[in-house]
Protein backbone atom coordinates (compact mmCIF):
# COMPACT_ATOMS: atom_id res chain seq x y z
CA MET A 1 -19.99 -9.13 -30.65
CA ASP A 2 -23.72 -9.55 -30.05
CA ILE A 3 -24.95 -8.94 -26.49
CA LYS A 4 -27.05 -12.11 -26.59
CA ASP A 5 -23.97 -14.12 -27.59
CA LEU A 6 -22.09 -12.49 -24.73
CA ALA A 7 -24.82 -13.37 -22.23
CA ASN A 8 -24.94 -16.97 -23.48
CA SER A 9 -21.15 -17.30 -23.37
CA ILE A 10 -21.06 -16.41 -19.68
CA ASN A 11 -24.30 -18.25 -18.78
CA GLY A 12 -25.96 -14.96 -17.96
CA LYS A 13 -29.52 -13.69 -17.80
CA LEU A 14 -30.19 -10.46 -19.68
CA VAL A 15 -32.63 -7.90 -18.24
CA GLY A 16 -33.52 -4.45 -19.53
CA ASN A 17 -32.44 -3.84 -23.11
CA ASP A 18 -31.40 -6.82 -25.26
CA ASP A 19 -29.04 -4.69 -27.36
CA PHE A 20 -25.84 -2.95 -26.38
CA PHE A 21 -26.88 0.41 -24.96
CA SER A 22 -24.28 2.43 -26.85
CA ILE A 23 -25.38 3.28 -30.38
CA ASP A 24 -21.97 2.17 -31.64
CA GLY A 25 -22.10 -1.12 -29.74
CA PHE A 26 -19.14 -2.42 -27.75
CA THR A 27 -15.77 -0.66 -27.96
CA GLY A 28 -13.86 -3.82 -27.06
CA LYS A 29 -12.87 -2.45 -23.67
CA PHE A 30 -13.83 -4.03 -20.34
CA THR A 31 -13.23 -1.66 -17.44
CA TYR A 32 -14.40 -0.33 -14.06
CA LEU A 33 -17.57 1.68 -13.64
CA HIS A 34 -15.80 4.87 -12.56
CA ASP A 35 -13.43 4.62 -15.56
CA ALA A 36 -16.00 3.59 -18.16
CA HIS A 37 -16.87 5.59 -21.26
CA THR A 38 -19.37 5.25 -24.08
CA GLY A 39 -19.43 1.69 -25.41
CA ASP A 40 -17.33 0.04 -22.68
CA ILE A 41 -18.49 -3.02 -20.72
CA VAL A 42 -18.27 -3.09 -16.93
CA ILE A 43 -18.06 -6.18 -14.68
CA ARG A 44 -18.80 -5.64 -10.99
CA ASP A 45 -19.08 -7.98 -7.99
CA TRP A 46 -22.35 -6.23 -7.19
CA VAL A 47 -24.38 -3.29 -8.38
CA ASP A 48 -27.32 -1.36 -6.98
CA ALA A 49 -29.83 1.01 -8.59
CA THR A 50 -27.40 3.92 -8.22
CA GLY A 51 -24.74 1.97 -10.10
CA VAL A 52 -27.15 1.16 -12.91
CA GLN A 53 -28.11 4.83 -13.07
CA MET A 54 -24.41 5.75 -13.34
CA ALA A 55 -23.87 3.18 -16.11
CA PHE A 56 -26.87 4.58 -17.95
CA LYS A 57 -25.53 8.14 -17.73
CA GLN A 58 -22.07 7.05 -18.89
CA ASN A 59 -23.69 5.37 -21.92
CA ILE A 60 -21.71 2.15 -21.48
CA ALA A 61 -22.55 -0.89 -23.62
CA CYS A 62 -23.79 -3.11 -20.78
CA LEU A 63 -23.09 -4.09 -17.19
CA ILE A 64 -22.37 -7.62 -15.86
CA THR A 65 -22.82 -8.65 -12.22
CA PRO A 66 -23.66 -11.72 -10.09
CA GLN A 67 -25.33 -9.63 -7.42
CA PRO A 68 -27.94 -7.04 -8.39
CA LYS A 69 -29.34 -5.47 -5.23
CA ASP A 70 -31.31 -2.53 -3.85
CA GLY A 71 -33.48 -2.12 -6.97
CA ALA A 72 -30.81 -2.72 -9.64
CA VAL A 73 -33.03 -5.00 -11.78
CA GLU A 74 -36.00 -2.64 -11.51
CA GLU A 75 -33.81 0.33 -12.45
CA ALA A 76 -32.39 -1.52 -15.48
CA ASN A 77 -35.90 -2.34 -16.67
CA ARG A 78 -37.08 1.23 -16.05
CA LEU A 79 -34.18 2.74 -17.99
CA ASN A 80 -34.20 -0.04 -20.61
CA PHE A 81 -30.52 -0.54 -19.81
CA PRO A 82 -28.84 -3.92 -20.54
CA LEU A 83 -27.86 -5.71 -17.31
CA ILE A 84 -26.45 -9.25 -17.50
CA ILE A 85 -26.83 -11.27 -14.31
CA VAL A 86 -24.43 -14.20 -13.94
CA ASP A 87 -24.00 -16.98 -11.40
CA ASP A 88 -20.24 -17.23 -11.91
CA ILE A 89 -18.36 -13.94 -12.11
CA GLU A 90 -15.10 -15.85 -12.61
CA LEU A 91 -16.46 -17.28 -15.84
CA ALA A 92 -17.29 -13.74 -16.96
CA LYS A 93 -13.81 -12.49 -16.02
CA THR A 94 -12.15 -15.40 -17.82
CA TYR A 95 -14.19 -14.60 -20.90
CA VAL A 96 -12.97 -11.02 -20.66
CA ILE A 97 -9.33 -12.04 -20.53
CA GLU A 98 -9.71 -14.40 -23.48
CA ASN A 99 -11.61 -11.91 -25.62
CA THR A 100 -9.92 -8.62 -24.83
CA GLU A 101 -6.69 -7.57 -26.46
CA THR A 102 -4.47 -5.47 -24.27
CA GLU A 103 -3.34 -2.29 -25.94
CA LYS A 104 0.31 -2.80 -26.86
CA LEU A 105 3.00 -0.20 -26.45
CA GLU A 106 4.36 -0.17 -29.99
CA ASP A 107 5.97 3.25 -30.30
CA ILE A 108 8.80 4.22 -27.96
CA CYS A 109 7.91 7.87 -28.54
CA ASP A 110 4.56 7.29 -26.80
CA LEU A 111 6.48 6.03 -23.77
CA VAL A 112 8.82 9.03 -23.88
CA LYS A 113 5.83 11.36 -23.89
CA ALA A 114 4.12 9.50 -21.03
CA VAL A 115 7.14 9.84 -18.73
CA GLU A 116 7.88 13.42 -19.86
CA GLY A 117 11.33 12.34 -20.96
CA LYS A 118 13.81 12.72 -23.76
CA ILE A 119 15.48 9.94 -25.69
CA VAL A 120 19.13 9.48 -26.61
CA GLY A 121 20.60 6.71 -28.71
CA ASN A 122 18.10 4.74 -30.77
CA ASP A 123 14.58 6.13 -31.16
CA GLU A 124 13.03 2.69 -31.56
CA PHE A 125 12.73 -0.25 -29.15
CA PHE A 126 16.05 -2.09 -29.24
CA SER A 127 14.58 -5.58 -29.31
CA ILE A 128 13.58 -6.63 -32.82
CA ASP A 129 10.24 -7.84 -31.45
CA GLY A 130 9.61 -4.60 -29.58
CA PHE A 131 8.42 -4.52 -25.96
CA THR A 132 7.35 -7.73 -24.17
CA GLY A 133 5.07 -5.86 -21.76
CA LYS A 134 7.25 -6.48 -18.71
CA PHE A 135 8.89 -3.74 -16.62
CA THR A 136 11.67 -5.02 -14.39
CA PHE A 137 15.18 -4.56 -12.93
CA LEU A 138 18.37 -4.71 -14.97
CA ASN A 139 19.67 -7.89 -13.30
CA ASP A 140 16.38 -9.71 -14.01
CA ALA A 141 15.74 -8.33 -17.49
CA HIS A 142 15.47 -10.41 -20.66
CA THR A 143 15.08 -9.64 -24.35
CA GLY A 144 12.32 -7.10 -24.94
CA ASP A 145 11.79 -6.06 -21.31
CA ILE A 146 11.91 -2.43 -20.17
CA VAL A 147 14.13 -1.50 -17.23
CA VAL A 148 13.45 1.44 -14.89
CA ARG A 149 16.39 2.64 -12.77
CA HIS A 150 16.99 5.75 -10.71
CA TRP A 151 20.52 6.01 -12.07
CA ILE A 152 22.61 4.28 -14.69
CA ASN A 153 26.23 4.49 -15.80
CA GLY A 154 28.04 3.41 -18.94
CA THR A 155 28.58 -0.11 -17.61
CA GLY A 156 24.84 -0.46 -16.98
CA ILE A 157 24.04 0.67 -20.53
CA GLN A 158 26.48 -1.93 -21.86
CA MET A 159 24.73 -4.60 -19.79
CA ALA A 160 21.31 -3.50 -21.08
CA PHE A 161 22.68 -3.63 -24.63
CA ASN A 162 24.02 -7.15 -24.10
CA LYS A 163 20.68 -8.30 -22.67
CA ASN A 164 18.86 -6.94 -25.72
CA ILE A 165 16.21 -5.20 -23.61
CA ALA A 166 13.68 -2.91 -25.28
CA CYS A 167 14.87 0.31 -23.61
CA LEU A 168 15.99 1.75 -20.29
CA ILE A 169 14.42 4.64 -18.37
CA THR A 170 16.41 6.61 -15.80
CA GLN A 171 16.42 9.88 -13.93
CA THR A 172 20.18 10.14 -13.47
CA PRO A 173 22.53 9.11 -16.28
CA LYS A 174 26.16 9.34 -15.13
CA ASP A 175 29.70 8.15 -15.80
CA GLY A 176 29.37 7.88 -19.57
CA ALA A 177 25.80 6.55 -19.75
CA ILE A 178 24.67 8.96 -22.48
CA GLU A 179 27.85 8.52 -24.50
CA THR A 180 27.60 4.73 -24.29
CA ALA A 181 23.93 4.77 -25.33
CA GLU A 182 24.80 6.92 -28.35
CA ARG A 183 27.80 4.77 -29.27
CA LEU A 184 25.77 1.54 -29.05
CA ASN A 185 22.69 3.15 -30.60
CA PHE A 186 20.76 1.92 -27.58
CA PRO A 187 17.49 3.67 -26.53
CA LEU A 188 17.94 5.49 -23.22
CA ILE A 189 15.01 7.57 -21.93
CA ILE A 190 15.90 10.30 -19.43
CA THR A 191 13.17 11.80 -17.27
CA ASP A 192 13.22 14.34 -14.45
CA LYS A 193 10.36 12.44 -12.78
CA ILE A 194 11.17 8.75 -12.41
CA GLU A 195 7.89 8.36 -10.54
CA LEU A 196 6.06 8.88 -13.85
CA ALA A 197 7.89 5.87 -15.27
CA ASN A 198 6.99 3.68 -12.32
CA ALA A 199 3.37 4.83 -12.35
CA TYR A 200 3.19 4.06 -16.07
CA ALA A 201 4.81 0.66 -15.46
CA LEU A 202 2.25 -0.13 -12.77
CA SER A 203 -0.73 0.96 -14.85
CA HIS A 204 0.49 -0.89 -17.94
CA THR A 205 1.27 -4.05 -15.97
CA ILE A 206 -2.15 -4.16 -14.34
CA ALA A 207 -3.87 -3.59 -17.69
CA LYS A 208 -1.85 -6.37 -19.34
CA TYR A 209 -1.50 -8.99 -16.61
CA SER A 210 -4.37 -8.31 -14.19
CA PRO A 211 -7.11 -6.45 -16.07
CA THR A 212 -10.00 -8.03 -14.15
CA SER A 213 -8.60 -7.94 -10.62
CA THR A 214 -10.32 -5.80 -8.02
CA ASN A 215 -7.72 -3.41 -6.64
CA VAL A 216 -7.25 -1.87 -3.19
CA VAL A 217 -4.80 0.88 -2.26
CA ILE A 218 -3.70 1.76 1.28
CA THR A 219 -1.88 4.94 2.29
CA GLY A 220 -1.37 7.15 5.35
CA THR A 221 1.41 7.77 7.85
CA ASN A 222 0.90 4.90 10.29
CA GLY A 223 -0.61 1.44 10.02
CA LYS A 224 -0.33 0.97 6.26
CA SER A 225 1.54 -2.32 6.41
CA THR A 226 -0.65 -3.91 9.07
CA THR A 227 -3.84 -2.79 7.30
CA SER A 228 -2.58 -3.98 3.90
CA HIS A 229 -1.47 -7.35 5.20
CA LEU A 230 -4.70 -7.86 7.14
CA ILE A 231 -6.82 -7.13 4.04
CA TYR A 232 -4.61 -9.54 2.11
CA HIS A 233 -5.06 -12.22 4.77
CA ILE A 234 -8.85 -11.84 4.93
CA LEU A 235 -9.14 -12.19 1.15
CA ASN A 236 -6.62 -15.01 0.93
CA ASN A 237 -8.28 -16.84 3.83
CA ALA A 238 -11.59 -16.56 1.96
CA GLY A 239 -10.10 -18.45 -0.97
CA TYR A 240 -9.27 -15.62 -3.37
CA HIS A 241 -6.03 -15.30 -5.34
CA VAL A 242 -4.49 -12.13 -3.91
CA LEU A 243 -1.20 -10.30 -4.30
CA THR A 244 0.08 -7.63 -1.93
CA ASN A 245 3.33 -5.70 -1.84
CA THR A 246 3.46 -6.08 1.94
CA ASP A 247 4.22 -9.49 3.42
CA SER A 248 5.35 -10.91 6.73
CA GLU A 249 9.01 -11.22 5.78
CA SER A 250 9.86 -8.29 3.54
CA GLU A 251 8.03 -5.18 2.51
CA PHE A 252 8.04 -4.03 -1.10
CA ASN A 253 6.02 -1.03 -0.05
CA THR A 254 7.93 1.43 -2.16
CA LEU A 255 6.66 2.23 -5.62
CA ILE A 256 9.74 4.23 -6.63
CA ASP A 257 11.08 1.25 -8.57
CA PRO A 258 9.37 -1.38 -10.79
CA MET A 259 9.28 -4.05 -8.05
CA VAL A 260 5.48 -4.19 -7.74
CA SER A 261 5.09 -4.32 -11.52
CA LYS A 262 7.53 -7.21 -11.60
CA LEU A 263 5.75 -8.99 -8.72
CA ILE A 264 2.39 -8.77 -10.53
CA CYS A 265 3.81 -10.07 -13.79
CA ASP A 266 5.69 -12.93 -12.12
CA GLU A 267 2.72 -13.97 -9.97
CA VAL A 268 0.25 -14.07 -12.87
CA GLN A 269 2.66 -15.96 -15.12
CA LYS A 270 3.37 -18.49 -12.36
CA ASN A 271 -0.03 -18.94 -10.69
CA GLY A 272 -2.66 -17.51 -13.01
CA LYS A 273 -4.97 -14.53 -12.92
CA LEU A 274 -5.47 -12.50 -9.76
CA ASP A 275 -8.76 -11.81 -8.04
CA TYR A 276 -7.42 -8.93 -5.93
CA LEU A 277 -4.45 -6.59 -5.78
CA VAL A 278 -3.79 -4.99 -2.37
CA ILE A 279 -1.16 -2.29 -2.78
CA GLU A 280 0.44 -0.22 -0.03
CA VAL A 281 1.52 3.25 -1.15
CA SER A 282 3.80 5.57 0.80
CA GLU A 283 2.02 8.80 1.69
CA VAL A 284 5.25 10.76 1.14
CA GLN A 285 8.03 9.65 -1.16
CA GLY A 286 11.25 11.09 -2.50
CA TRP A 287 14.56 10.45 -4.15
CA LEU A 288 17.90 12.02 -3.20
CA ASP A 289 16.16 14.25 -0.63
CA LYS A 290 13.80 15.61 -3.28
CA LEU A 291 10.05 15.23 -2.76
CA MET A 292 8.13 13.33 -5.42
CA LYS A 293 5.05 15.54 -5.35
CA ASN A 294 1.66 13.81 -5.33
CA HIS A 295 3.31 10.38 -5.21
CA ALA A 296 0.41 8.72 -3.36
CA ALA A 297 -2.20 10.13 -5.73
CA LEU A 298 -0.15 9.32 -8.82
CA MET A 299 0.27 5.68 -7.80
CA SER A 300 -3.33 5.37 -6.63
CA GLU A 301 -4.54 6.60 -10.00
CA ALA A 302 -2.30 4.05 -11.73
CA ILE A 303 -3.75 1.23 -9.61
CA LYS A 304 -7.38 2.26 -10.26
CA PRO A 305 -8.67 1.01 -6.91
CA LYS A 306 -12.22 -0.02 -6.16
CA VAL A 307 -11.42 0.70 -2.51
CA GLY A 308 -8.84 3.06 -1.00
CA VAL A 309 -7.82 3.33 2.64
CA ILE A 310 -6.34 6.41 4.34
CA THR A 311 -5.16 5.41 7.82
CA ASN A 312 -4.08 8.76 9.30
CA ILE A 313 -2.08 11.93 8.63
CA ALA A 314 0.94 12.57 10.86
CA MET A 315 4.58 13.65 10.65
CA ASP A 316 7.25 11.42 9.14
CA HIS A 317 9.76 11.72 6.29
CA ILE A 318 11.18 14.97 7.63
CA GLY A 319 13.25 16.68 4.98
CA LEU A 320 10.93 15.63 2.20
CA VAL A 321 8.14 17.39 4.08
CA ASN A 322 8.61 19.93 6.84
CA SER A 323 5.16 20.40 8.32
CA ILE A 324 1.93 18.55 8.89
CA ASP A 325 0.40 20.82 6.25
CA ASP A 326 2.91 19.41 3.75
CA VAL A 327 1.83 15.87 4.61
CA PHE A 328 -1.82 16.84 4.23
CA GLU A 329 -1.13 18.33 0.79
CA GLU A 330 0.50 15.06 -0.30
CA ILE A 331 -2.50 12.98 0.80
CA ARG A 332 -5.23 15.46 -0.15
CA PRO A 333 -5.44 14.41 -3.86
CA VAL A 334 -5.71 10.68 -3.05
CA PRO A 335 -9.54 10.57 -2.73
CA GLN A 336 -9.78 12.25 -6.14
CA ALA A 337 -7.46 9.57 -7.55
CA ILE A 338 -9.75 6.91 -6.05
CA GLY A 339 -12.65 8.66 -7.77
CA ASN A 340 -16.03 7.03 -7.24
CA GLY A 341 -14.41 4.02 -5.65
CA ILE A 342 -14.97 3.77 -1.89
CA THR A 343 -12.54 5.64 0.37
CA ILE A 344 -12.08 4.30 3.91
CA LEU A 345 -11.50 7.28 6.22
CA ASN A 346 -10.33 7.36 9.85
CA HIS A 347 -13.09 9.38 11.51
CA ASP A 348 -10.89 9.94 14.58
CA ASP A 349 -8.23 11.84 12.61
CA GLU A 350 -9.08 15.52 12.26
CA LEU A 351 -6.99 15.99 9.11
CA VAL A 352 -8.33 12.86 7.43
CA MET A 353 -11.82 14.20 7.95
CA LYS A 354 -10.89 17.32 5.98
CA LEU A 355 -10.37 15.18 2.87
CA GLU A 356 -13.07 15.27 0.23
CA ALA A 357 -14.08 11.77 -0.87
CA GLU A 358 -16.87 10.98 -3.31
CA ASN A 359 -17.89 7.73 -1.55
CA PRO A 360 -16.58 7.71 2.03
CA PHE A 361 -16.74 4.83 4.50
CA TYR A 362 -15.82 5.73 8.08
CA THR A 363 -14.00 3.93 10.88
CA SER A 364 -13.76 5.03 14.49
CA MET A 365 -12.80 4.01 18.01
CA SER A 366 -16.12 5.42 19.22
CA GLU A 367 -19.74 5.16 18.09
CA LEU A 368 -20.68 6.41 14.63
CA LYS A 369 -24.19 7.07 13.39
CA GLU A 370 -23.40 6.79 9.67
CA ASP A 371 -24.65 3.65 7.89
CA ASN A 372 -21.44 3.47 5.88
CA SER A 373 -19.24 2.92 8.91
CA VAL A 374 -17.70 0.42 11.30
CA TYR A 375 -16.59 1.28 14.83
CA PHE A 376 -15.25 -0.12 18.10
CA ASN A 377 -17.25 0.49 21.27
CA GLY A 378 -14.70 -0.87 23.75
CA ASP A 379 -16.21 -4.35 23.78
CA ALA A 380 -16.72 -5.21 20.12
CA ILE A 381 -16.46 -4.06 16.52
CA ILE A 382 -19.89 -2.85 15.42
CA TYR A 383 -21.31 -2.82 11.88
CA LYS A 384 -24.89 -1.76 11.21
CA ASN A 385 -25.68 -1.83 14.94
CA ASN A 386 -24.52 -5.46 15.24
CA PRO A 387 -21.38 -6.66 17.03
CA ILE A 388 -19.32 -8.71 14.56
CA LEU A 389 -16.08 -9.23 16.53
CA SER A 390 -15.65 -9.15 20.29
CA VAL A 391 -12.51 -7.66 21.78
CA ASP A 392 -11.44 -11.16 22.87
CA GLU A 393 -11.51 -12.31 19.24
CA LEU A 394 -9.13 -9.62 17.97
CA PRO A 395 -5.54 -10.62 17.17
CA PHE A 396 -4.25 -7.58 19.11
CA THR A 397 -5.94 -5.08 21.38
CA GLY A 398 -3.86 -1.89 21.25
CA ASN A 399 -5.99 1.04 20.14
CA HIS A 400 -3.82 1.88 17.13
CA PHE A 401 -3.93 -1.76 16.01
CA ILE A 402 -7.70 -1.93 16.46
CA GLN A 403 -7.91 1.12 14.21
CA ASN A 404 -5.97 -0.87 11.59
CA ILE A 405 -8.41 -3.76 12.01
CA LEU A 406 -11.34 -1.38 11.52
CA SER A 407 -9.77 -0.06 8.31
CA ALA A 408 -9.26 -3.59 7.00
CA VAL A 409 -12.79 -4.64 7.97
CA GLY A 410 -14.22 -1.51 6.36
CA ALA A 411 -12.28 -2.18 3.17
CA CYS A 412 -13.46 -5.79 2.95
CA ILE A 413 -17.07 -4.80 3.65
CA SER A 414 -16.75 -2.27 0.83
CA LEU A 415 -15.43 -5.03 -1.45
CA GLY A 416 -18.60 -7.02 -0.78
CA ILE A 417 -16.87 -9.79 1.19
CA ASP A 418 -19.23 -11.83 3.37
CA ILE A 419 -19.14 -10.75 7.03
CA ALA A 420 -18.51 -14.32 8.20
CA GLU A 421 -15.42 -14.52 5.97
CA ILE A 422 -14.19 -11.16 7.27
CA VAL A 423 -14.64 -12.29 10.85
CA ASP A 424 -12.81 -15.57 10.23
CA GLY A 425 -9.99 -13.70 8.51
CA VAL A 426 -9.50 -11.32 11.44
CA LYS A 427 -9.65 -14.12 14.02
CA THR A 428 -7.01 -16.20 12.20
CA TYR A 429 -4.65 -13.31 11.47
CA LYS A 430 -1.04 -13.40 12.62
CA ALA A 431 0.64 -10.00 12.85
CA LEU A 432 3.41 -8.78 10.59
CA ASN A 433 6.96 -8.97 11.84
CA ARG A 434 7.70 -6.29 14.47
CA ARG A 435 4.10 -5.19 14.97
CA PHE A 436 3.90 -5.39 18.74
CA ALA A 437 5.32 -8.89 18.52
CA LYS A 438 5.82 -10.75 21.80
CA LEU A 439 9.36 -12.13 21.93
CA ASN A 440 9.49 -13.45 25.51
CA ASP A 441 7.28 -14.13 28.56
CA GLU A 442 9.49 -13.56 31.63
CA PRO A 443 10.20 -10.74 31.36
CA LEU A 444 7.59 -9.81 28.78
CA ILE A 445 9.39 -8.44 25.71
CA TYR A 446 7.47 -6.68 22.95
CA ASP A 447 9.01 -5.51 19.69
CA ASP A 448 7.38 -2.81 17.58
CA PHE A 449 8.32 -0.91 14.42
CA ALA A 450 7.29 2.44 15.99
CA HIS A 451 9.60 4.89 14.23
CA ASN A 452 7.79 8.22 14.10
CA PRO A 453 6.22 10.43 16.80
CA ASP A 454 2.65 9.12 16.58
CA GLY A 455 3.82 5.53 16.46
CA ILE A 456 6.12 5.97 19.46
CA LYS A 457 3.46 7.63 21.62
CA ALA A 458 0.77 5.12 20.69
CA THR A 459 2.97 2.08 21.29
CA ILE A 460 4.28 3.25 24.67
CA SER A 461 0.77 4.23 25.73
CA GLU A 462 -0.61 0.79 24.88
CA THR A 463 2.30 -0.95 26.64
CA LEU A 464 1.78 1.07 29.81
CA LYS A 465 -1.75 -0.32 29.99
CA LEU A 466 -0.24 -3.78 30.47
CA LEU A 467 1.92 -2.62 33.37
CA LEU A 468 0.89 -3.84 36.83
CA PRO A 469 1.74 -2.11 40.14
CA ASN A 470 5.42 -2.39 41.10
CA GLN A 471 6.39 -3.30 37.54
CA LYS A 472 8.88 -1.38 35.41
CA LEU A 473 8.68 -0.66 31.70
CA HIS A 474 12.10 -0.70 30.06
CA VAL A 475 11.88 1.21 26.78
CA VAL A 476 14.71 0.51 24.34
CA CYS A 477 14.73 3.00 21.46
CA ALA A 478 16.93 2.79 18.39
CA ILE A 479 17.86 6.27 17.17
CA ARG A 480 17.00 6.72 13.49
CA GLY A 481 20.24 6.85 11.56
CA SER A 482 20.91 9.04 8.53
CA ARG A 483 17.35 10.44 8.63
CA GLY A 484 18.27 13.93 9.83
CA VAL A 485 17.96 15.97 13.00
CA GLU A 486 14.33 16.97 12.46
CA ILE A 487 12.70 13.53 12.64
CA ASN A 488 14.91 12.56 15.56
CA GLN A 489 13.95 15.78 17.35
CA LEU A 490 10.28 14.89 16.93
CA ASN A 491 10.90 11.31 18.04
CA VAL A 492 12.71 12.27 21.20
CA GLU A 493 9.99 14.82 22.01
CA ALA A 494 7.47 11.98 21.65
CA LEU A 495 9.55 9.98 24.13
CA VAL A 496 9.62 12.91 26.55
CA GLU A 497 5.84 13.23 26.30
CA SER A 498 5.42 9.50 26.97
CA MET A 499 7.77 9.18 29.95
CA ASN A 500 6.63 8.58 33.52
CA GLU A 501 8.18 7.30 36.74
CA ASP A 502 7.56 3.66 35.77
CA ILE A 503 9.74 3.88 32.64
CA GLU A 504 13.47 3.35 32.32
CA LEU A 505 14.89 4.54 29.02
CA TYR A 506 17.71 3.05 26.95
CA LEU A 507 19.01 4.34 23.63
CA SER A 508 20.96 2.47 20.97
CA SER A 509 22.92 3.76 17.99
CA SER A 510 23.08 0.12 16.79
CA ASN A 511 26.46 0.56 15.12
CA ASP A 512 26.98 -3.20 15.20
CA VAL A 513 23.94 -4.00 13.04
CA VAL A 514 23.29 -1.11 10.64
CA ASN A 515 24.86 -0.30 7.30
CA GLU A 516 26.11 3.07 6.13
CA LEU A 517 22.61 4.06 4.96
CA ASN A 518 21.31 3.83 8.54
CA PHE A 519 24.35 4.97 10.53
CA VAL A 520 23.51 7.38 13.37
CA GLU A 521 25.27 10.69 12.82
CA ASP A 522 26.67 12.76 15.69
CA ASN A 523 24.02 15.48 15.39
CA GLU A 524 21.21 12.89 15.37
CA ARG A 525 22.55 11.37 18.58
CA GLU A 526 23.13 14.75 20.20
CA VAL A 527 19.57 15.94 19.62
CA PHE A 528 18.38 12.93 21.63
CA PHE A 529 20.87 13.55 24.42
CA ASN A 530 20.22 17.29 24.66
CA THR A 531 16.43 17.06 24.61
CA LEU A 532 16.34 14.35 27.28
CA LYS A 533 18.77 16.27 29.51
CA GLU A 534 16.78 19.50 29.10
CA ASN A 535 13.72 17.63 30.38
CA ASN A 536 15.63 15.96 33.25
CA ILE A 537 15.03 12.49 31.87
CA GLU A 538 17.64 9.88 32.73
CA PHE A 539 18.74 7.47 30.02
CA THR A 540 21.51 5.04 29.17
CA HIS A 541 23.05 5.05 25.71
CA PHE A 542 24.79 2.15 23.98
CA VAL A 543 26.80 2.32 20.81
CA ASN A 544 25.95 -1.30 19.95
CA LEU A 545 22.50 -2.89 20.02
CA LYS A 546 23.71 -6.25 21.36
CA ASP A 547 25.33 -4.58 24.39
CA CYS A 548 22.15 -2.62 25.00
CA LEU A 549 19.91 -5.69 24.89
CA GLU A 550 22.20 -7.68 27.18
CA GLU A 551 22.18 -4.87 29.76
CA VAL A 552 18.42 -4.41 29.68
CA TYR A 553 17.71 -8.12 29.92
CA GLN A 554 20.01 -8.48 32.92
CA LYS A 555 18.49 -5.45 34.72
CA ALA A 556 14.84 -6.28 34.13
CA ASP A 557 12.95 -8.27 36.74
CA LYS A 558 11.08 -11.29 35.35
CA ASN A 559 7.81 -9.46 36.07
CA ASP A 560 8.84 -6.31 34.17
CA ILE A 561 8.11 -5.42 30.55
CA ILE A 562 10.70 -4.58 27.91
CA LEU A 563 9.55 -2.60 24.87
CA LEU A 564 11.78 -2.41 21.80
CA ILE A 565 10.98 0.41 19.37
CA GLY A 566 12.63 1.86 16.29
CA ALA A 567 13.15 1.21 12.60
CA GLN A 568 16.23 -0.30 10.94
CA GLY A 569 18.39 0.02 14.04
CA MET A 570 16.05 -2.30 15.96
CA ASP A 571 15.26 -4.78 13.17
CA PRO A 572 17.88 -7.37 14.24
CA ALA A 573 16.83 -7.34 17.91
CA GLU A 574 14.87 -10.60 17.83
CA SER A 575 17.83 -12.44 16.34
CA LEU A 576 20.24 -10.96 18.90
CA LEU A 577 17.93 -11.79 21.79
CA SER A 578 17.86 -15.45 20.77
CA ASP A 579 21.53 -15.62 21.80
CA ILE A 580 20.97 -13.62 25.01
CA ILE A 581 17.88 -15.18 26.56
């Protein structure tokens, strides 16, 4: 390929050198600036003089952008570096897709090595045509797909064999799985780290189905879903084709299975190429009570984000981690995985500020002096000394939600989205399900997913601000079932810390609405009872959620406020209330 032909094909203007900068020309690979090597071509929404200098040092073939700024053209001319300026970046990206061949996974042994596994049965892909490029679930799999499952038995291997899939990757073969694979000569890959398989699936899927999308990753203990969905909404509202793994009805925010890989593949095949991927990543993840170390960093690296967001660092997932230091160690490698992408950091979180990011962008609930920052001053969100959103224009006004808005705004600024489009996106946003959702007016009923200590304290604190003199706040808390004594101990201590004379407390085990995976064990219930009694806090406990909601609704005055908090045990509350109110 000749660089002049490339420039003409994408209606671009060439400045600087009129030859590919690499002595060996173009490698055939289009990539991101922080991933680029000698001979690659980079496409960016914008580039400044620093970016051109970086491209020069990395000896890439050329750089394509619609928006050269802050001396980029002058730097390209000074360094004699080829910079192609285009009017239509979508035309350039389309050209990339049509003229770049995705590296195919031809050898099953390469896959085995990548997931640090061993293979039993056949040592070649089972499908005669090899691997289709799609990672998916067993029930959805077709000829040539690869299935990733945490466990598989002999019946599952037989099903995979009948579906003629390429191979199956698992961490736990049981009940005759290995024997069946050997008998059928079916390729079964066994790995001790299933997260490696899902990270590989994600990386491979993005490279094959969404190679030109701009990717964003969001992690942290609290606020991930709201921040992710808000970024998604801003971009979608601005007219971009966006996919997120967090939506208003169901959250595919776990990357311990191939769901996100499947979502990307299905979306691109159905609706065409993506402009943006916005992926929520759990800060701590595990399987069968075993921590998947560095999960957030592993998945972030697979996603190759241009922007990463770290909301906060707090306790959750007790059992997988046992101290705040453990949580910090899980999140600490994430900025390195983001690399020279932009990392949005919560300036108000002491532990977040201990993270080392190459290109930080700060958010805060108080004034910041840094240019690369956005903050809230009590009246408005401020960017570069200018108010861009007044408090009255925000979709919610609780401090912890405003922090999520700041993170989303910071991320979109870092993506180069126009401020007017960001503002319109925030103003038109409707909150995710169970994010301080108002369910009723008289009495006021709010429902929130608060399910860990920081979330509980923040949500109760914000609700108390709405309380007028002579009003009562009725807090209804669903005990976390089958999550262990430790997290419930921390949650009840957060309740104790939040209590005052204006609060009446109700607890629910929610036996009528939870399954066996979320059933409240005796010791989990007792830790709540004992801690509250030790602190002389009165409470009423209900075995069933419906009984609890009926009692609270009957007791509350129409001028009171009812706050529903908790995870799975409180999820059905809105539906139950529709029959009560």
